[in-house]
C-alpha atoms as a PDB file:
ATOM      1  CA  MET A   1      -8.900   0.281  87.740  1.00  0.00           C
ATOM      2  CA  ASN A   2     -12.173   0.620  85.849  1.00  0.00           C
ATOM      3  CA  ASP A   3     -10.507   2.885  83.276  1.00  0.00           C
ATOM      4  CA  GLN A   4      -7.842   0.223  82.740  1.00  0.00           C
ATOM      5  CA  LYS A   5     -10.509  -2.433  82.094  1.00  0.00           C
ATOM      6  CA  ALA A   6     -12.320  -0.138  79.674  1.00  0.00           C
ATOM      7  CA  TYR A   7      -9.045   0.579  77.885  1.00  0.00           C
ATOM      8  CA  GLN A   8      -8.242  -3.143  77.592  1.00  0.00           C
ATOM      9  CA  ARG A   9     -11.721  -3.898  76.209  1.00  0.00           C
ATOM     10  CA  ALA A  10     -11.461  -1.047  73.699  1.00  0.00           C
ATOM     11  CA  LYS A  11      -7.976  -2.185  72.679  1.00  0.00           C
ATOM     12  CA  LYS A  12      -9.172  -5.751  72.175  1.00  0.00           C
ATOM     13  CA  ARG A  13     -12.098  -4.589  70.001  1.00  0.00           C
ATOM     14  CA  ALA A  14      -9.849  -2.276  67.958  1.00  0.00           C
ATOM     15  CA  GLU A  15      -7.329  -5.077  67.361  1.00  0.00           C
ATOM     16  CA  ALA A  16     -10.124  -7.424  66.269  1.00  0.00           C
ATOM     17  CA  LYS A  17     -11.358  -4.816  63.772  1.00  0.00           C
ATOM     18  CA  VAL A  18      -7.850  -4.281  62.382  1.00  0.00           C
ATOM     19  CA  LYS A  19      -7.452  -8.049  61.915  1.00  0.00           C
ATOM     20  CA  PHE A  20     -10.790  -8.225  60.131  1.00  0.00           C
ATOM     21  CA  TYR A  21      -9.930  -5.355  57.753  1.00  0.00           C
ATOM     22  CA  ARG A  22      -6.561  -6.986  57.015  1.00  0.00           C
ATOM     23  CA  HIS A  23      -8.359 -10.273  56.272  1.00  0.00           C
ATOM     24  CA  LEU A  24     -10.817  -8.454  53.994  1.00  0.00           C
ATOM     25  CA  ALA A  25      -8.034  -6.657  52.108  1.00  0.00           C
ATOM     26  CA  ILE A  26      -6.130  -9.909  51.527  1.00  0.00           C
ATOM     27  CA  TYR A  27      -9.354 -11.615  50.419  1.00  0.00           C
ATOM     28  CA  ILE A  28     -10.060  -8.887  47.868  1.00  0.00           C
ATOM     29  CA  ALA A  29      -6.478  -8.767  46.531  1.00  0.00           C
ATOM     30  CA  VAL A  30      -6.095 -12.534  46.189  1.00  0.00           C
ATOM     31  CA  ASN A  31      -9.491 -12.980  44.561  1.00  0.00           C
ATOM     32  CA  ILE A  32      -8.811 -10.206  42.058  1.00  0.00           C
ATOM     33  CA  LEU A  33      -5.596 -12.042  41.192  1.00  0.00           C
ATOM     34  CA  LEU A  34      -7.468 -15.344  40.852  1.00  0.00           C
ATOM     35  CA  ILE A  35     -10.062 -13.728  38.580  1.00  0.00           C
ATOM     36  CA  ILE A  36      -7.299 -12.297  36.386  1.00  0.00           C
ATOM     37  CA  ILE A  37      -5.561 -15.680  36.210  1.00  0.00           C
ATOM     38  CA  ASN A  38      -8.824 -17.454  35.406  1.00  0.00           C
ATOM     39  CA  PHE A  39      -9.790 -15.070  32.588  1.00  0.00           C
ATOM     40  CA  SER A  40      -6.296 -14.957  31.133  1.00  0.00           C
ATOM     41  CA  THR A  41      -5.952 -18.736  30.949  1.00  0.00           C
ATOM     42  CA  SER A  42      -9.473 -19.949  30.195  1.00  0.00           C
ATOM     43  CA  THR A  43     -12.976 -18.570  30.120  1.00  0.00           C
ATOM     44  CA  ASP A  44     -14.566 -21.972  29.489  1.00  0.00           C
ATOM     45  CA  HIS A  45     -14.545 -22.885  33.157  1.00  0.00           C
ATOM     46  CA  LEU A  46     -14.894 -20.138  35.758  1.00  0.00           C
ATOM     47  CA  TRP A  47     -13.168 -21.822  38.690  1.00  0.00           C
ATOM     48  CA  PHE A  48     -12.427 -18.576  40.578  1.00  0.00           C
ATOM     49  CA  ILE A  49     -16.009 -18.626  41.874  1.00  0.00           C
ATOM     50  CA  TRP A  50     -15.286 -21.524  44.259  1.00  0.00           C
ATOM     51  CA  PRO A  51     -12.499 -19.911  46.302  1.00  0.00           C
ATOM     52  CA  LEU A  52     -14.386 -16.606  46.095  1.00  0.00           C
ATOM     53  CA  MET A  53     -17.478 -18.160  47.700  1.00  0.00           C
ATOM     54  CA  GLY A  54     -15.669 -20.410  50.169  1.00  0.00           C
ATOM     55  CA  TRP A  55     -13.320 -17.764  51.462  1.00  0.00           C
ATOM     56  CA  GLY A  56     -16.126 -15.208  51.241  1.00  0.00           C
ATOM     57  CA  LEU A  57     -18.135 -17.252  53.727  1.00  0.00           C
ATOM     58  CA  ALA A  58     -15.147 -17.189  56.081  1.00  0.00           C
ATOM     59  CA  VAL A  59     -14.903 -13.393  55.711  1.00  0.00           C
ATOM     60  CA  VAL A  60     -18.620 -13.012  56.489  1.00  0.00           C
ATOM     61  CA  LEU A  61     -18.292 -15.212  59.586  1.00  0.00           C
ATOM     62  CA  HIS A  62     -15.241 -13.208  60.663  1.00  0.00           C
ATOM     63  CA  ALA A  63     -17.215  -9.979  60.242  1.00  0.00           C
ATOM     64  CA  LEU A  64     -20.090 -11.355  62.296  1.00  0.00           C
ATOM     65  CA  SER A  65     -17.746 -12.421  65.079  1.00  0.00           C
ATOM     66  CA  VAL A  66     -16.130  -8.974  65.181  1.00  0.00           C
ATOM     67  CA  PHE A  67     -19.121  -6.689  64.682  1.00  0.00           C
ATOM     68  CA  ALA A  68     -22.257  -8.595  65.689  1.00  0.00           C
ATOM     69  CA  PHE A  69     -21.364 -11.323  68.166  1.00  0.00           C
ATOM     70  CA  SER A  70     -18.303 -10.023  69.966  1.00  0.00           C
ATOM     71  CA  ASP A  71     -17.591 -11.207  73.515  1.00  0.00           C
ATOM     72  CA  GLU A  72     -17.638  -7.638  74.724  1.00  0.00           C
ATOM     73  CA  SER A  73     -21.225  -6.978  73.735  1.00  0.00           C
ATOM     74  CA  GLY A  74     -23.512  -4.750  75.742  1.00  0.00           C
ATOM     75  CA  VAL A  75     -25.468  -7.790  76.912  1.00  0.00           C
ATOM     76  CA  THR A  76     -22.385  -9.298  78.534  1.00  0.00           C
ATOM     77  CA  GLU A  77     -21.528  -6.019  80.215  1.00  0.00           C
ATOM     78  CA  LYS A  78     -25.065  -5.669  81.598  1.00  0.00           C
ATOM     79  CA  MET A  79     -24.977  -9.216  82.962  1.00  0.00           C
ATOM     80  CA  ILE A  80     -21.663  -8.546  84.682  1.00  0.00           C
ATOM     81  CA  GLU A  81     -23.020  -5.340  86.219  1.00  0.00           C
ATOM     82  CA  LYS A  82     -26.116  -7.173  87.490  1.00  0.00           C
ATOM     83  CA  GLU A  83     -24.005  -9.887  89.084  1.00  0.00           C
ATOM     84  CA  MET A  84     -21.764  -7.291  90.708  1.00  0.00           C
ATOM     85  CA  GLU A  85     -24.837  -5.515  92.104  1.00  0.00           C
ATOM     86  CA  ARG A  86     -26.143  -8.813  93.516  1.00  0.00           C
ATOM     87  CA  GLU A  87     -22.826  -9.514  95.189  1.00  0.00           C
ATOM     88  CA  ALA A  88     -22.729  -5.999  96.654  1.00  0.00           C
ATOM     89  CA  ALA A  89     -26.303  -6.388  97.961  1.00  0.00           C
ATOM     90  CA  LYS A  90     -25.387  -9.698  99.668  1.00  0.00           C
ATOM     91  CA  GLN A  91     -22.525  -8.047 101.504  1.00  0.00           C
ATOM     92  CA  HIS A  92     -24.705  -5.251 102.940  1.00  0.00           C
END
């Protein structure tokens, strides 16, 4: 049963990483297109910067949620293990 839980956690983390990389790829492709459109139509006003920064912030937050602050962090696992040990000690 423990192997199944570990597999499910690993699968969830892998899927989150795939979603992030897909988001990053779309962000890069769309913003390259917006830069091309901006420079081909007008260089007086560089409007591509606004979606680049706004969406870029979303990509950074997505990266943080996947890589830095995921629900399956080591801290959470340690807390669960401690609680399980406390419960086991109460029963003995």
